[in-house]
């Protein structure tokens, strides 16, 4: 499954079958890593239009990492 598929699956479960506020999203904002809740991320990103899914680095639920982008450089 692609990264977008994994992230979409996590978001779908969070929004429709779980407590959406227990999810934290960490995403790249230029050189910084920003943290926000899932509802705030959806609002800030204009439903993923202004902040693409590809900028998401980490997704946590209650301090448990559900998704972490592989940032290792492959040479």
C-alpha atoms as a PDB file:
ATOM      1  CA  UNK A   1       0.000   0.000   0.000  1.00  0.00           C
ATOM      2  CA  UNK A   2       1.317   3.462  -0.848  1.00  0.00           C
ATOM      3  CA  UNK A   3       1.952   6.102   1.794  1.00  0.00           C
ATOM      4  CA  UNK A   4      -1.084   8.089   0.672  1.00  0.00           C
ATOM      5  CA  UNK A   5      -3.181   4.939   1.013  1.00  0.00           C
ATOM      6  CA  UNK A   6      -1.934   4.307   4.542  1.00  0.00           C
ATOM      7  CA  UNK A   7      -2.524   7.922   5.566  1.00  0.00           C
ATOM      8  CA  UNK A   8      -5.970   7.987   3.952  1.00  0.00           C
ATOM      9  CA  UNK A   9      -6.896   4.796   5.813  1.00  0.00           C
ATOM     10  CA  UNK A  10      -5.754   6.256   9.157  1.00  0.00           C
ATOM     11  CA  UNK A  11      -7.679   9.492   8.515  1.00  0.00           C
ATOM     12  CA  UNK A  12     -10.821   7.629   7.486  1.00  0.00           C
ATOM     13  CA  UNK A  13     -10.781   5.502  10.626  1.00  0.00           C
ATOM     14  CA  UNK A  14     -10.083   8.565  12.786  1.00  0.00           C
ATOM     15  CA  UNK A  15     -12.868  10.644  11.279  1.00  0.00           C
ATOM     16  CA  UNK A  16     -15.600   8.013  11.145  1.00  0.00           C
ATOM     17  CA  UNK A  17     -14.858   5.327  13.737  1.00  0.00           C
ATOM     18  CA  UNK A  18     -12.703   6.836  16.472  1.00  0.00           C
ATOM     19  CA  UNK A  19     -12.089   9.910  18.628  1.00  0.00           C
ATOM     20  CA  UNK A  20     -10.682  12.314  16.053  1.00  0.00           C
ATOM     21  CA  UNK A  21      -9.141  14.572  18.715  1.00  0.00           C
ATOM     22  CA  UNK A  22      -6.827  11.814  19.949  1.00  0.00           C
ATOM     23  CA  UNK A  23      -4.839  12.015  16.684  1.00  0.00           C
ATOM     24  CA  UNK A  24      -1.839  14.333  16.340  1.00  0.00           C
ATOM     25  CA  UNK A  25      -0.421  15.271  12.963  1.00  0.00           C
ATOM     26  CA  UNK A  26       3.185  16.412  12.506  1.00  0.00           C
ATOM     27  CA  UNK A  27       3.849  18.013   9.128  1.00  0.00           C
ATOM     28  CA  UNK A  28       6.563  20.028   7.391  1.00  0.00           C
ATOM     29  CA  UNK A  29       6.027  23.765   7.217  1.00  0.00           C
ATOM     30  CA  UNK A  30       9.090  24.949   5.289  1.00  0.00           C
ATOM     31  CA  UNK A  31      12.026  24.045   7.581  1.00  0.00           C
ATOM     32  CA  UNK A  32       9.865  23.499  10.683  1.00  0.00           C
ATOM     33  CA  UNK A  33       7.855  20.532  11.895  1.00  0.00           C
ATOM     34  CA  UNK A  34       4.424  21.618  13.116  1.00  0.00           C
ATOM     35  CA  UNK A  35       2.129  19.652  15.419  1.00  0.00           C
ATOM     36  CA  UNK A  36      -1.653  19.877  15.356  1.00  0.00           C
ATOM     37  CA  UNK A  37      -4.739  17.758  15.945  1.00  0.00           C
ATOM     38  CA  UNK A  38      -6.396  16.030  13.014  1.00  0.00           C
ATOM     39  CA  UNK A  39      -9.449  18.357  12.970  1.00  0.00           C
ATOM     40  CA  UNK A  40      -7.156  21.406  12.999  1.00  0.00           C
ATOM     41  CA  UNK A  41      -4.986  19.933  10.237  1.00  0.00           C
ATOM     42  CA  UNK A  42      -8.021  19.339   8.027  1.00  0.00           C
ATOM     43  CA  UNK A  43      -9.174  22.902   8.679  1.00  0.00           C
ATOM     44  CA  UNK A  44      -5.696  24.448   8.098  1.00  0.00           C
ATOM     45  CA  UNK A  45      -5.093  22.402   4.974  1.00  0.00           C
ATOM     46  CA  UNK A  46      -8.490  23.291   3.511  1.00  0.00           C
ATOM     47  CA  UNK A  47      -9.348  19.589   3.324  1.00  0.00           C
ATOM     48  CA  UNK A  48      -5.839  18.699   2.035  1.00  0.00           C
ATOM     49  CA  UNK A  49      -5.839  21.353  -0.710  1.00  0.00           C
ATOM     50  CA  UNK A  50      -3.228  23.783   0.695  1.00  0.00           C
ATOM     51  CA  UNK A  51      -1.138  21.267   2.670  1.00  0.00           C
ATOM     52  CA  UNK A  52      -0.687  18.042   0.725  1.00  0.00           C
ATOM     53  CA  UNK A  53      -0.573  14.644   2.393  1.00  0.00           C
ATOM     54  CA  UNK A  54       3.027  14.281   1.216  1.00  0.00           C
ATOM     55  CA  UNK A  55       4.139  16.859   3.832  1.00  0.00           C
ATOM     56  CA  UNK A  56       2.906  14.713   6.725  1.00  0.00           C
ATOM     57  CA  UNK A  57       5.853  13.290   8.645  1.00  0.00           C
ATOM     58  CA  UNK A  58       4.244  11.573  11.668  1.00  0.00           C
ATOM     59  CA  UNK A  59       0.751  10.585  12.777  1.00  0.00           C
ATOM     60  CA  UNK A  60       0.232   9.685  16.437  1.00  0.00           C
ATOM     61  CA  UNK A  61      -2.743   8.462  18.391  1.00  0.00           C
ATOM     62  CA  UNK A  62      -2.464   8.825  22.155  1.00  0.00           C
ATOM     63  CA  UNK A  63       1.360   8.984  21.937  1.00  0.00           C
ATOM     64  CA  UNK A  64       1.524   5.844  19.759  1.00  0.00           C
ATOM     65  CA  UNK A  65       3.052   6.321  16.315  1.00  0.00           C
ATOM     66  CA  UNK A  66       0.717   5.082  13.579  1.00  0.00           C
ATOM     67  CA  UNK A  67       2.698   6.455  10.653  1.00  0.00           C
ATOM     68  CA  UNK A  68       6.223   7.808  10.305  1.00  0.00           C
ATOM     69  CA  UNK A  69       7.736   8.888   7.017  1.00  0.00           C
ATOM     70  CA  UNK A  70      10.962   7.138   6.133  1.00  0.00           C
ATOM     71  CA  UNK A  71      13.470   9.994   5.991  1.00  0.00           C
ATOM     72  CA  UNK A  72      16.587   7.961   5.278  1.00  0.00           C
ATOM     73  CA  UNK A  73      18.507   9.075   2.214  1.00  0.00           C
ATOM     74  CA  UNK A  74      18.944   6.298  -0.304  1.00  0.00           C
ATOM     75  CA  UNK A  75      22.112   6.558  -2.372  1.00  0.00           C
END
